[in-house]
Amino acid sequence: MVSVPATPTPPGECPQCWQHAHDRSLHRMLGPREDCPQCVDHMRNGCPYLVPKRSRWW
């Protein structure tokens, strides 16, 4: 089941991070202190919006 976020993803924000942070139904099935497997996989394999940009000055 795919749920639609209540608000659209703002420019410059990762759509998956935004949806998992603001859509409570995605994490409702998790137990106390249990990590979301999709969030962990997203952070370990790299969120494209958290990659530091290289400066062109160098």
N, C-alpha and C. Protein backbone atom coordinates (compact mmCIF):
# COMPACT_ATOMS: atom_id res chain seq x y z
N MET A 1 0.84 -1.18 0.00
CA MET A 1 0.00 0.00 0.00
C MET A 1 0.89 1.25 0.00
N VAL A 2 0.64 2.12 -0.91
CA VAL A 2 1.40 3.36 -1.01
C VAL A 2 0.55 4.48 -0.46
N SER A 3 1.10 5.22 0.47
CA SER A 3 0.36 6.34 1.02
C SER A 3 0.94 7.64 0.49
N VAL A 4 0.10 8.61 0.30
CA VAL A 4 0.49 9.89 -0.24
C VAL A 4 0.74 10.85 0.92
N PRO A 5 1.87 11.57 0.91
CA PRO A 5 2.13 12.52 1.99
C PRO A 5 1.07 13.62 2.02
N ALA A 6 0.81 14.13 3.22
CA ALA A 6 -0.20 15.17 3.38
C ALA A 6 0.20 16.46 2.68
N THR A 7 1.47 16.76 2.68
CA THR A 7 1.95 17.96 2.01
C THR A 7 2.97 17.55 0.95
N PRO A 8 3.04 18.27 -0.14
CA PRO A 8 4.02 17.93 -1.17
C PRO A 8 5.45 18.14 -0.67
N THR A 9 6.34 17.40 -1.25
CA THR A 9 7.76 17.51 -0.88
C THR A 9 8.29 18.87 -1.30
N PRO A 10 8.87 19.62 -0.36
CA PRO A 10 9.43 20.93 -0.71
C PRO A 10 10.65 20.79 -1.63
N PRO A 11 10.94 21.80 -2.40
CA PRO A 11 12.12 21.75 -3.27
C PRO A 11 13.40 21.57 -2.45
N GLY A 12 14.26 20.71 -2.94
CA GLY A 12 15.53 20.47 -2.26
C GLY A 12 15.48 19.39 -1.20
N GLU A 13 14.32 18.83 -0.94
CA GLU A 13 14.17 17.77 0.06
C GLU A 13 14.04 16.42 -0.64
N CYS A 14 14.55 15.38 -0.01
CA CYS A 14 14.44 14.03 -0.54
C CYS A 14 13.00 13.55 -0.37
N PRO A 15 12.35 13.11 -1.44
CA PRO A 15 10.96 12.65 -1.32
C PRO A 15 10.77 11.50 -0.35
N GLN A 16 11.70 10.53 -0.33
CA GLN A 16 11.54 9.40 0.59
C GLN A 16 11.75 9.84 2.03
N CYS A 17 12.75 10.64 2.29
CA CYS A 17 12.98 11.14 3.65
C CYS A 17 11.79 11.95 4.13
N TRP A 18 11.27 12.82 3.27
CA TRP A 18 10.15 13.67 3.63
C TRP A 18 8.91 12.82 3.95
N GLN A 19 8.63 11.84 3.10
CA GLN A 19 7.45 11.00 3.30
C GLN A 19 7.57 10.20 4.59
N HIS A 20 8.73 9.62 4.85
CA HIS A 20 8.90 8.81 6.05
C HIS A 20 8.93 9.66 7.31
N ALA A 21 9.29 10.91 7.20
CA ALA A 21 9.31 11.78 8.38
C ALA A 21 7.92 12.33 8.71
N HIS A 22 7.05 12.49 7.72
CA HIS A 22 5.78 13.15 7.95
C HIS A 22 4.55 12.26 7.81
N ASP A 23 4.68 11.05 7.31
CA ASP A 23 3.55 10.14 7.15
C ASP A 23 3.62 9.08 8.24
N ARG A 24 2.86 9.25 9.30
CA ARG A 24 2.93 8.36 10.45
C ARG A 24 2.46 6.95 10.16
N SER A 25 1.66 6.76 9.12
CA SER A 25 1.15 5.43 8.82
C SER A 25 2.27 4.47 8.37
N LEU A 26 3.38 5.01 7.86
CA LEU A 26 4.48 4.17 7.41
C LEU A 26 5.20 3.49 8.57
N HIS A 27 5.25 4.12 9.73
CA HIS A 27 5.98 3.59 10.87
C HIS A 27 5.06 3.07 11.97
N ARG A 28 3.77 3.07 11.74
CA ARG A 28 2.81 2.66 12.76
C ARG A 28 2.99 1.19 13.15
N MET A 29 3.39 0.35 12.21
CA MET A 29 3.50 -1.09 12.46
C MET A 29 4.77 -1.46 13.23
N LEU A 30 5.70 -0.54 13.40
CA LEU A 30 6.96 -0.82 14.08
C LEU A 30 6.76 -0.83 15.59
N GLY A 31 7.55 -1.66 16.25
CA GLY A 31 7.52 -1.73 17.70
C GLY A 31 8.32 -0.59 18.31
N PRO A 32 8.30 -0.50 19.63
CA PRO A 32 9.08 0.54 20.30
C PRO A 32 10.58 0.34 20.05
N ARG A 33 11.26 1.40 19.72
CA ARG A 33 12.70 1.42 19.46
C ARG A 33 13.10 0.50 18.31
N GLU A 34 12.19 0.24 17.38
CA GLU A 34 12.47 -0.57 16.20
C GLU A 34 12.70 0.35 15.02
N ASP A 35 13.77 0.09 14.28
CA ASP A 35 14.10 0.92 13.12
C ASP A 35 13.31 0.48 11.89
N CYS A 36 12.97 1.44 11.07
CA CYS A 36 12.28 1.17 9.81
C CYS A 36 13.32 0.62 8.83
N PRO A 37 13.11 -0.60 8.29
CA PRO A 37 14.10 -1.16 7.36
C PRO A 37 14.32 -0.31 6.12
N GLN A 38 13.26 0.33 5.62
CA GLN A 38 13.41 1.18 4.44
C GLN A 38 14.25 2.41 4.75
N CYS A 39 14.05 3.01 5.92
CA CYS A 39 14.84 4.19 6.30
C CYS A 39 16.31 3.82 6.50
N VAL A 40 16.56 2.68 7.17
CA VAL A 40 17.94 2.25 7.40
C VAL A 40 18.63 1.97 6.08
N ASP A 41 17.95 1.27 5.16
CA ASP A 41 18.52 0.98 3.85
C ASP A 41 18.81 2.27 3.08
N HIS A 42 17.90 3.23 3.16
CA HIS A 42 18.06 4.50 2.46
C HIS A 42 19.26 5.28 3.00
N MET A 43 19.45 5.26 4.32
CA MET A 43 20.58 5.99 4.90
C MET A 43 21.91 5.27 4.65
N ARG A 44 21.91 3.94 4.69
CA ARG A 44 23.15 3.19 4.47
C ARG A 44 23.60 3.23 3.02
N ASN A 45 22.66 3.14 2.09
CA ASN A 45 23.00 3.13 0.68
C ASN A 45 23.12 4.53 0.11
N GLY A 46 22.77 5.50 0.91
CA GLY A 46 22.97 6.88 0.50
C GLY A 46 21.72 7.60 0.06
N CYS A 47 21.45 8.66 0.73
CA CYS A 47 20.37 9.56 0.34
C CYS A 47 21.00 10.57 -0.61
N PRO A 48 20.47 10.71 -1.82
CA PRO A 48 21.10 11.62 -2.78
C PRO A 48 21.10 13.08 -2.34
N TYR A 49 20.25 13.42 -1.39
CA TYR A 49 20.19 14.81 -0.93
C TYR A 49 21.13 15.09 0.22
N LEU A 50 21.72 14.03 0.84
CA LEU A 50 22.64 14.23 1.95
C LEU A 50 24.10 14.18 1.51
N VAL A 51 24.35 13.93 0.24
CA VAL A 51 25.72 13.88 -0.28
C VAL A 51 26.25 15.31 -0.37
N PRO A 52 27.39 15.56 0.28
CA PRO A 52 27.93 16.93 0.20
C PRO A 52 28.36 17.26 -1.23
N LYS A 53 28.08 18.46 -1.61
CA LYS A 53 28.45 18.92 -2.96
C LYS A 53 29.91 19.37 -2.95
N ARG A 54 30.62 19.03 -4.00
CA ARG A 54 32.01 19.47 -4.12
C ARG A 54 32.04 20.92 -4.60
N SER A 55 32.91 21.66 -4.01
CA SER A 55 33.05 23.06 -4.38
C SER A 55 33.78 23.16 -5.71
N ARG A 56 33.35 24.02 -6.59
CA ARG A 56 34.02 24.24 -7.87
C ARG A 56 35.18 25.23 -7.73
N TRP A 57 35.29 25.79 -6.53
CA TRP A 57 36.34 26.77 -6.32
C TRP A 57 37.71 26.12 -6.40
N TRP A 58 37.83 24.87 -5.93
CA TRP A 58 39.11 24.17 -5.94
C TRP A 58 39.37 23.73 -7.30
